[in-house]
């Protein structure tokens, strides 16, 4: 991938008052990461969100990394990675490496009990470490994860299946009411917009091995997403259902936004960033065009409050709660686009507008005793570890102009 430095980042570097505020916010992220990895130790689990920011309070109830529905743990390793990059402190890398057995068991012992979010799990862990240190053990893990992700590709429909085992068996550690969840019983023939952020693992695997197999799958899934998920007005379906037997597209649907025909902010942000990264790897122009169109349309939904409502198309009477995580992911997407379109003033200005707004006390929790960073996430007035991660990544790219690992 090309460097993530360049003209787009110079705006922040040349405006001292903006840079100072963002540097302070980044310091908060690093300090919280230092405390959080001490709390986590080597028992990394699914710590997705908390109303008060205390992710680890009920840790014994959190599912382990090896569970099929686990997709969030590596946002903590991603924050440790960035903490090392900006501080040079090797303690963050030491902690990440201590988690190796968990990640190894996930794909080598439980490879069938995985879903499409292998990219969210192994890019901010194994790919990040391998790019930084050249550790061949991490390369091995990431390539195995890419192999498992590739197995989810449906040749008839040209899409990556989101959830469920590919043999449709319920994993042995999924019992009781959990076994009746739609993620198992209704998962055949379903792809979701979030998968655009899992494709970088496949693109990386092709670059690393020289084998176009992985890239071809990623490109075909992205093209299907572009064709079916994006409406004519550039709003986005969260999910799409296909005929499991023939692969024929059936209809758009929803598991994340308010409804099938609404406009989920975070799903749109996944698409913006995912298509931008897809262009960075492939130079397929339609991917950059799509990312840019989605970004401009996303910005058109924003108002003077800067931060998006969690779903842009809520029915009348629904409370318009904010989603700071969608804002953070969107900025990362804007930054990726600006690598290739550095003269886009709309993306430049809104990247800074959003980051500065997220760095105000109404969104940024600077209390070191609270593990969470960003308030008002996901339309539930909660903190989310993925919102924290993408906020930190966006800060690092703005302040330091560093490459990402995706």
Protein backbone atom coordinates (compact mmCIF):
# COMPACT_ATOMS: atom_id res chain seq x y z
CA UNK A 1 0.00 0.00 0.00
CA UNK A 2 1.14 3.53 -0.58
CA UNK A 3 2.18 5.79 2.23
CA UNK A 4 -0.53 7.25 4.41
CA UNK A 5 1.41 10.49 4.70
CA UNK A 6 1.07 13.25 2.14
CA UNK A 7 -0.75 16.46 1.44
CA UNK A 8 -3.94 15.58 3.28
CA UNK A 9 -2.15 15.30 6.59
CA UNK A 10 -0.26 18.57 6.25
CA UNK A 11 -3.35 20.60 7.07
CA UNK A 12 -3.25 19.51 10.70
CA UNK A 13 0.53 19.69 10.90
CA UNK A 14 0.42 23.30 9.69
CA UNK A 15 -2.27 24.44 12.11
CA UNK A 16 -0.71 24.43 15.56
CA UNK A 17 -3.86 25.03 17.57
CA UNK A 18 -5.64 22.09 15.95
CA UNK A 19 -2.61 19.88 16.31
CA UNK A 20 -2.26 20.70 20.01
CA UNK A 21 -5.86 19.73 20.76
CA UNK A 22 -5.57 16.47 18.82
CA UNK A 23 -2.25 15.63 20.47
CA UNK A 24 -3.88 15.97 23.88
CA UNK A 25 -6.70 13.68 22.79
CA UNK A 26 -4.19 11.14 21.49
CA UNK A 27 -2.39 11.22 24.84
CA UNK A 28 -5.68 10.30 26.51
CA UNK A 29 -5.97 7.29 24.19
CA UNK A 30 -2.42 6.15 24.96
CA UNK A 31 -2.88 6.53 28.71
CA UNK A 32 -6.12 4.57 28.67
CA UNK A 33 -4.55 1.87 26.51
CA UNK A 34 -1.74 1.49 29.05
CA UNK A 35 -4.25 0.94 31.83
CA UNK A 36 -6.53 -1.26 29.75
CA UNK A 37 -3.89 -3.79 28.76
CA UNK A 38 -3.00 -4.18 32.43
CA UNK A 39 -6.64 -4.97 33.17
CA UNK A 40 -6.96 -7.39 30.24
CA UNK A 41 -3.74 -9.30 30.82
CA UNK A 42 -3.72 -12.41 28.63
CA UNK A 43 -7.47 -12.99 28.98
CA UNK A 44 -8.56 -11.01 25.93
CA UNK A 45 -12.29 -11.31 25.36
CA UNK A 46 -15.19 -9.63 23.59
CA UNK A 47 -15.51 -6.27 25.36
CA UNK A 48 -17.73 -4.39 22.91
CA UNK A 49 -19.47 -1.61 24.80
CA UNK A 50 -20.49 -0.22 28.17
CA UNK A 51 -22.91 2.52 29.14
CA UNK A 52 -20.42 3.93 31.64
CA UNK A 53 -17.22 3.06 29.77
CA UNK A 54 -16.20 0.27 32.15
CA UNK A 55 -15.74 -2.47 29.57
CA UNK A 56 -14.23 -5.04 31.91
CA UNK A 57 -16.66 -4.88 34.82
CA UNK A 58 -18.45 -8.15 33.95
CA UNK A 59 -15.58 -9.79 32.14
CA UNK A 60 -16.53 -13.33 33.17
CA UNK A 61 -19.69 -12.94 31.06
CA UNK A 62 -17.77 -11.83 27.97
CA UNK A 63 -17.32 -14.43 25.24
CA UNK A 64 -13.74 -15.63 24.60
CA UNK A 65 -11.77 -14.93 21.43
CA UNK A 66 -12.36 -18.45 20.13
CA UNK A 67 -16.17 -18.01 20.13
CA UNK A 68 -17.63 -17.85 16.63
CA UNK A 69 -19.28 -14.46 17.22
CA UNK A 70 -16.15 -12.76 18.52
CA UNK A 71 -15.13 -9.80 16.33
CA UNK A 72 -14.07 -6.96 18.63
CA UNK A 73 -11.03 -8.02 20.75
CA UNK A 74 -8.39 -6.80 18.31
CA UNK A 75 -9.44 -3.20 18.61
CA UNK A 76 -7.59 -3.31 21.93
CA UNK A 77 -4.48 -4.76 20.26
CA UNK A 78 -4.85 -2.12 17.56
CA UNK A 79 -4.76 0.61 20.19
CA UNK A 80 -1.69 -1.02 21.72
CA UNK A 81 -0.07 -1.02 18.28
CA UNK A 82 -0.68 2.70 17.83
CA UNK A 83 0.48 3.40 21.38
CA UNK A 84 3.78 1.75 20.50
CA UNK A 85 4.05 3.64 17.22
CA UNK A 86 3.67 7.04 18.87
CA UNK A 87 5.64 6.29 22.06
CA UNK A 88 8.26 3.73 21.04
CA UNK A 89 7.49 1.79 24.23
CA UNK A 90 8.09 -1.91 23.57
CA UNK A 91 5.79 -2.92 26.45
CA UNK A 92 2.81 -2.61 24.11
CA UNK A 93 4.35 -5.06 21.64
CA UNK A 94 5.27 -7.41 24.46
CA UNK A 95 1.65 -7.52 25.55
CA UNK A 96 0.45 -8.13 22.02
CA UNK A 97 2.87 -11.01 21.56
CA UNK A 98 1.76 -12.61 24.82
CA UNK A 99 -1.67 -13.06 23.21
CA UNK A 100 -0.29 -15.18 20.37
CA UNK A 101 -1.60 -18.54 21.71
CA UNK A 102 -5.18 -17.21 21.76
CA UNK A 103 -5.00 -16.10 18.15
CA UNK A 104 -3.25 -19.29 17.07
CA UNK A 105 -5.95 -21.50 18.59
CA UNK A 106 -8.67 -19.39 17.00
CA UNK A 107 -7.75 -20.24 13.41
CA UNK A 108 -5.77 -23.46 13.75
CA UNK A 109 -7.94 -25.30 16.28
CA UNK A 110 -11.31 -23.59 15.71
CA UNK A 111 -11.05 -22.48 12.08
CA UNK A 112 -14.54 -23.76 11.29
CA UNK A 113 -15.98 -21.71 14.13
CA UNK A 114 -15.17 -18.37 12.53
CA UNK A 115 -17.14 -15.82 10.54
CA UNK A 116 -16.34 -13.02 8.10
CA UNK A 117 -14.88 -10.77 10.79
CA UNK A 118 -11.50 -12.50 10.59
CA UNK A 119 -10.26 -9.25 9.07
CA UNK A 120 -11.34 -7.24 12.09
CA UNK A 121 -9.56 -9.82 14.27
CA UNK A 122 -6.29 -10.47 12.43
CA UNK A 123 -5.49 -7.21 10.64
CA UNK A 124 -5.18 -5.16 13.88
CA UNK A 125 -3.21 -8.02 15.42
CA UNK A 126 -1.18 -10.30 13.16
CA UNK A 127 -0.91 -8.10 10.08
CA UNK A 128 -0.04 -5.09 12.22
CA UNK A 129 2.67 -6.97 14.10
CA UNK A 130 4.04 -8.60 10.96
CA UNK A 131 4.28 -5.30 9.09
CA UNK A 132 6.06 -3.75 12.05
CA UNK A 133 8.38 -6.56 13.16
CA UNK A 134 8.56 -9.08 10.31
CA UNK A 135 7.60 -11.89 12.70
CA UNK A 136 6.95 -14.91 10.45
CA UNK A 137 4.73 -16.49 13.10
CA UNK A 138 2.37 -13.54 12.78
CA UNK A 139 2.53 -13.85 9.00
CA UNK A 140 1.52 -17.51 9.33
CA UNK A 141 -1.45 -16.60 11.53
CA UNK A 142 -2.68 -13.87 9.21
CA UNK A 143 -2.42 -16.09 6.13
CA UNK A 144 -4.33 -18.87 7.90
CA UNK A 145 -7.02 -16.34 8.81
CA UNK A 146 -7.16 -15.25 5.16
CA UNK A 147 -7.59 -18.89 4.13
CA UNK A 148 -10.53 -19.30 6.50
CA UNK A 149 -12.10 -16.05 5.29
CA UNK A 150 -11.73 -17.13 1.66
CA UNK A 151 -13.68 -20.32 2.41
CA UNK A 152 -16.74 -18.16 3.08
CA UNK A 153 -16.93 -16.94 -0.52
CA UNK A 154 -20.05 -18.01 -2.40
CA UNK A 155 -19.09 -18.68 -6.02
CA UNK A 156 -22.65 -18.43 -7.30
CA UNK A 157 -23.45 -15.11 -5.68
CA UNK A 158 -19.98 -13.51 -5.65
CA UNK A 159 -20.20 -12.57 -1.99
CA UNK A 160 -18.63 -13.50 1.34
CA UNK A 161 -21.14 -15.02 3.74
CA UNK A 162 -21.23 -13.03 6.96
CA UNK A 163 -22.22 -15.42 9.72
CA UNK A 164 -22.62 -19.02 10.75
CA UNK A 165 -20.46 -22.06 10.13
CA UNK A 166 -20.18 -22.95 6.47
CA UNK A 167 -21.57 -26.42 7.25
CA UNK A 168 -24.47 -24.74 9.12
CA UNK A 169 -23.78 -26.68 12.31
CA UNK A 170 -24.26 -24.87 15.62
CA UNK A 171 -20.88 -24.65 17.39
CA UNK A 172 -20.70 -26.76 20.56
CA UNK A 173 -20.12 -23.74 22.80
CA UNK A 174 -23.34 -22.08 21.57
CA UNK A 175 -26.16 -23.41 23.72
CA UNK A 176 -29.64 -22.57 25.01
CA UNK A 177 -31.38 -19.51 23.63
CA UNK A 178 -28.19 -18.37 21.93
CA UNK A 179 -28.52 -21.27 19.49
CA UNK A 180 -31.80 -19.76 18.25
CA UNK A 181 -30.18 -16.47 17.30
CA UNK A 182 -30.63 -15.20 13.75
CA UNK A 183 -26.85 -15.23 13.38
CA UNK A 184 -27.10 -19.01 13.19
CA UNK A 185 -30.62 -19.78 12.01
CA UNK A 186 -30.93 -17.02 9.39
CA UNK A 187 -27.32 -16.66 8.27
CA UNK A 188 -27.41 -18.62 5.01
CA UNK A 189 -27.21 -16.30 2.04
CA UNK A 190 -26.48 -13.14 4.03
CA UNK A 191 -23.69 -10.64 3.41
CA UNK A 192 -23.31 -7.35 5.28
CA UNK A 193 -21.71 -4.00 4.56
CA UNK A 194 -19.28 -4.40 7.47
CA UNK A 195 -17.39 -6.99 5.40
CA UNK A 196 -15.80 -4.22 3.35
CA UNK A 197 -13.45 -3.79 6.32
CA UNK A 198 -12.57 -7.50 6.31
CA UNK A 199 -11.39 -7.42 2.69
CA UNK A 200 -8.02 -5.79 3.50
CA UNK A 201 -6.90 -9.11 5.01
CA UNK A 202 -7.46 -10.78 1.63
CA UNK A 203 -5.76 -8.00 -0.32
CA UNK A 204 -2.79 -8.20 2.04
CA UNK A 205 -2.59 -12.00 1.65
CA UNK A 206 -2.32 -11.69 -2.13
CA UNK A 207 0.39 -9.05 -1.86
CA UNK A 208 2.25 -11.19 0.66
CA UNK A 209 2.05 -14.49 -1.25
CA UNK A 210 1.85 -13.31 -4.84
CA UNK A 211 -1.26 -15.47 -5.20
CA UNK A 212 -4.14 -13.56 -6.85
CA UNK A 213 -6.68 -15.98 -5.32
CA UNK A 214 -7.35 -13.82 -2.26
CA UNK A 215 -7.44 -10.56 -4.21
CA UNK A 216 -9.90 -11.95 -6.72
CA UNK A 217 -12.32 -12.90 -3.95
CA UNK A 218 -12.03 -9.46 -2.36
CA UNK A 219 -12.55 -7.67 -5.67
CA UNK A 220 -15.59 -9.77 -6.56
CA UNK A 221 -17.17 -9.21 -3.15
CA UNK A 222 -16.50 -5.46 -3.38
CA UNK A 223 -18.05 -5.32 -6.85
CA UNK A 224 -21.13 -7.17 -5.61
CA UNK A 225 -21.38 -4.76 -2.68
CA UNK A 226 -21.09 -1.78 -4.98
CA UNK A 227 -23.80 -3.14 -7.28
CA UNK A 228 -26.35 -4.26 -4.69
CA UNK A 229 -25.78 -2.49 -1.36
CA UNK A 230 -25.56 1.08 -2.63
CA UNK A 231 -28.87 2.67 -3.54
CA UNK A 232 -29.24 5.19 -6.34
CA UNK A 233 -29.23 8.06 -3.82
CA UNK A 234 -25.89 6.75 -2.41
CA UNK A 235 -27.41 5.58 0.85
CA UNK A 236 -26.42 2.07 1.87
CA UNK A 237 -28.14 -1.18 2.81
CA UNK A 238 -26.68 -2.73 5.95
CA UNK A 239 -27.20 -6.26 4.64
CA UNK A 240 -28.27 -8.15 1.56
CA UNK A 241 -29.88 -11.55 1.27
CA UNK A 242 -29.12 -13.99 -1.53
CA UNK A 243 -30.69 -17.29 -2.50
CA UNK A 244 -28.38 -19.75 -0.70
CA UNK A 245 -28.65 -22.29 -3.51
CA UNK A 246 -28.44 -20.19 -6.67
CA UNK A 247 -26.69 -17.07 -5.38
CA UNK A 248 -29.36 -14.86 -6.93
CA UNK A 249 -29.82 -11.54 -5.07
CA UNK A 250 -33.10 -11.38 -3.16
CA UNK A 251 -33.38 -8.10 -1.25
CA UNK A 252 -31.69 -5.60 0.98
CA UNK A 253 -32.21 -6.15 4.70
CA UNK A 254 -30.97 -4.93 8.05
CA UNK A 255 -29.27 -6.17 11.21
CA UNK A 256 -27.62 -2.91 12.30
CA UNK A 257 -29.63 0.15 11.33
CA UNK A 258 -33.21 1.02 12.23
CA UNK A 259 -34.85 -0.86 9.36
CA UNK A 260 -34.40 -2.48 5.96
CA UNK A 261 -34.75 0.78 4.02
CA UNK A 262 -33.04 3.15 6.44
CA UNK A 263 -29.55 4.63 6.22
CA UNK A 264 -27.25 3.34 8.96
CA UNK A 265 -24.42 5.78 9.63
CA UNK A 266 -21.79 3.31 10.80
CA UNK A 267 -22.54 0.91 7.96
CA UNK A 268 -21.96 3.75 5.53
CA UNK A 269 -18.68 4.55 7.28
CA UNK A 270 -17.55 0.90 6.92
CA UNK A 271 -18.28 1.18 3.20
CA UNK A 272 -16.43 4.48 2.79
CA UNK A 273 -13.29 3.19 4.45
CA UNK A 274 -13.51 -0.27 2.91
CA UNK A 275 -13.85 0.97 -0.66
CA UNK A 276 -11.05 3.49 -0.13
CA UNK A 277 -8.70 0.74 1.09
CA UNK A 278 -9.80 -1.48 -1.80
CA UNK A 279 -8.66 1.25 -4.18
CA UNK A 280 -5.36 1.63 -2.32
CA UNK A 281 -4.61 -2.03 -3.01
CA UNK A 282 -6.09 -2.44 -6.50
CA UNK A 283 -6.17 0.98 -8.17
CA UNK A 284 -9.60 0.05 -9.53
CA UNK A 285 -11.02 3.52 -10.11
CA UNK A 286 -14.66 2.61 -9.43
CA UNK A 287 -13.70 1.78 -5.83
CA UNK A 288 -12.28 5.25 -5.22
CA UNK A 289 -15.23 6.86 -6.99
CA UNK A 290 -17.64 4.89 -4.80
CA UNK A 291 -15.79 5.77 -1.60
CA UNK A 292 -15.80 9.45 -2.54
CA UNK A 293 -19.49 9.52 -3.50
CA UNK A 294 -20.45 7.78 -0.27
CA UNK A 295 -18.28 10.17 1.74
CA UNK A 296 -19.77 13.29 0.17
CA UNK A 297 -23.30 11.96 0.68
CA UNK A 298 -22.48 11.09 4.30
CA UNK A 299 -21.27 14.65 4.88
CA UNK A 300 -24.45 16.02 3.31
CA UNK A 301 -26.42 14.38 6.13
CA UNK A 302 -24.48 16.25 8.83
CA UNK A 303 -25.51 19.51 10.45
CA UNK A 304 -23.97 22.07 12.77
CA UNK A 305 -23.75 19.47 15.53
CA UNK A 306 -21.07 17.75 13.37
CA UNK A 307 -21.51 14.18 14.69
CA UNK A 308 -23.93 11.94 12.76
CA UNK A 309 -27.21 10.58 14.01
CA UNK A 310 -26.84 6.80 14.30
CA UNK A 311 -29.27 6.28 11.40
CA UNK A 312 -29.84 9.09 8.91
CA UNK A 313 -33.31 7.87 7.96
CA UNK A 314 -35.12 7.43 11.26
CA UNK A 315 -38.94 7.49 11.27
CA UNK A 316 -40.64 10.56 12.71
CA UNK A 317 -40.76 10.49 16.48
CA UNK A 318 -37.58 8.45 16.93
CA UNK A 319 -34.96 10.08 19.14
CA UNK A 320 -32.01 11.20 17.04
CA UNK A 321 -29.18 9.80 19.12
CA UNK A 322 -25.62 10.34 17.94
CA UNK A 323 -23.00 7.79 16.90
CA UNK A 324 -19.46 8.89 17.68
CA UNK A 325 -18.13 5.54 16.41
CA UNK A 326 -19.61 6.16 12.95
CA UNK A 327 -17.96 9.58 12.97
CA UNK A 328 -14.56 8.09 13.84
CA UNK A 329 -14.73 5.37 11.17
CA UNK A 330 -15.85 7.92 8.59
CA UNK A 331 -12.85 10.15 9.30
CA UNK A 332 -10.54 7.18 8.73
CA UNK A 333 -12.26 6.68 5.39
CA UNK A 334 -11.92 10.35 4.49
CA UNK A 335 -8.22 10.18 5.32
CA UNK A 336 -7.74 7.15 3.09
CA UNK A 337 -9.49 8.87 0.19
CA UNK A 338 -7.33 11.97 0.67
CA UNK A 339 -4.21 9.92 0.00
CA UNK A 340 -5.40 9.84 -3.59
CA UNK A 341 -7.48 13.04 -3.71
CA UNK A 342 -5.49 15.46 -1.52
CA UNK A 343 -7.20 18.53 -2.97
CA UNK A 344 -10.71 17.56 -1.80
CA UNK A 345 -11.53 20.46 0.58
CA UNK A 346 -14.81 18.93 1.74
CA UNK A 347 -13.12 15.82 3.10
CA UNK A 348 -10.23 17.79 4.56
CA UNK A 349 -12.46 20.24 6.39
CA UNK A 350 -14.91 17.64 7.68
CA UNK A 351 -12.14 15.34 8.86
CA UNK A 352 -10.91 18.14 11.05
CA UNK A 353 -14.39 19.28 12.07
CA UNK A 354 -15.31 15.79 13.23
CA UNK A 355 -12.03 15.05 15.00
CA UNK A 356 -12.14 18.36 16.84
CA UNK A 357 -15.75 17.80 17.88
CA UNK A 358 -14.96 14.25 19.08
CA UNK A 359 -12.10 15.73 21.12
CA UNK A 360 -14.43 17.97 23.12
CA UNK A 361 -15.64 16.90 26.61
CA UNK A 362 -19.12 16.13 25.29
CA UNK A 363 -17.63 13.12 23.49
CA UNK A 364 -14.09 12.52 24.81
CA UNK A 365 -13.89 11.08 28.31
CA UNK A 366 -10.46 12.06 29.62
CA UNK A 367 -10.98 10.44 33.04
CA UNK A 368 -8.10 7.96 33.29
CA UNK A 369 -10.13 5.69 35.57
CA UNK A 370 -12.70 5.02 32.83
CA UNK A 371 -11.45 2.49 30.24
CA UNK A 372 -13.65 3.84 27.44
CA UNK A 373 -12.65 6.85 25.36
CA UNK A 374 -15.62 8.05 23.28
CA UNK A 375 -19.08 8.66 24.66
CA UNK A 376 -22.33 8.73 22.68
CA UNK A 377 -21.56 5.75 20.47
CA UNK A 378 -23.83 3.56 18.36
CA UNK A 379 -27.06 5.42 19.07
CA UNK A 380 -27.19 3.90 22.54
CA UNK A 381 -25.39 6.55 24.58
CA UNK A 382 -22.63 4.05 25.24
CA UNK A 383 -18.89 3.71 24.82
CA UNK A 384 -17.65 1.18 22.23
CA UNK A 385 -14.18 -0.26 21.91
CA UNK A 386 -14.36 -0.08 18.12
CA UNK A 387 -15.29 3.60 18.27
CA UNK A 388 -12.31 4.17 20.55
CA UNK A 389 -10.00 2.35 18.15
CA UNK A 390 -10.97 4.23 14.99
CA UNK A 391 -10.85 7.53 16.82
CA UNK A 392 -7.29 6.77 17.90
CA UNK A 393 -6.29 5.68 14.40
CA UNK A 394 -7.70 8.88 12.93
CA UNK A 395 -5.83 10.96 15.51
CA UNK A 396 -2.54 9.21 14.76
CA UNK A 397 -2.92 9.71 11.04
CA UNK A 398 -3.84 13.38 11.49
CA UNK A 399 -1.10 14.24 13.96
CA UNK A 400 1.73 11.97 12.80
CA UNK A 401 0.83 10.99 9.23
CA UNK A 402 1.72 7.35 9.91
CA UNK A 403 0.84 4.42 7.66
CA UNK A 404 -1.96 2.13 8.72
CA UNK A 405 -1.67 -1.65 8.72
CA UNK A 406 -4.93 -2.47 6.90
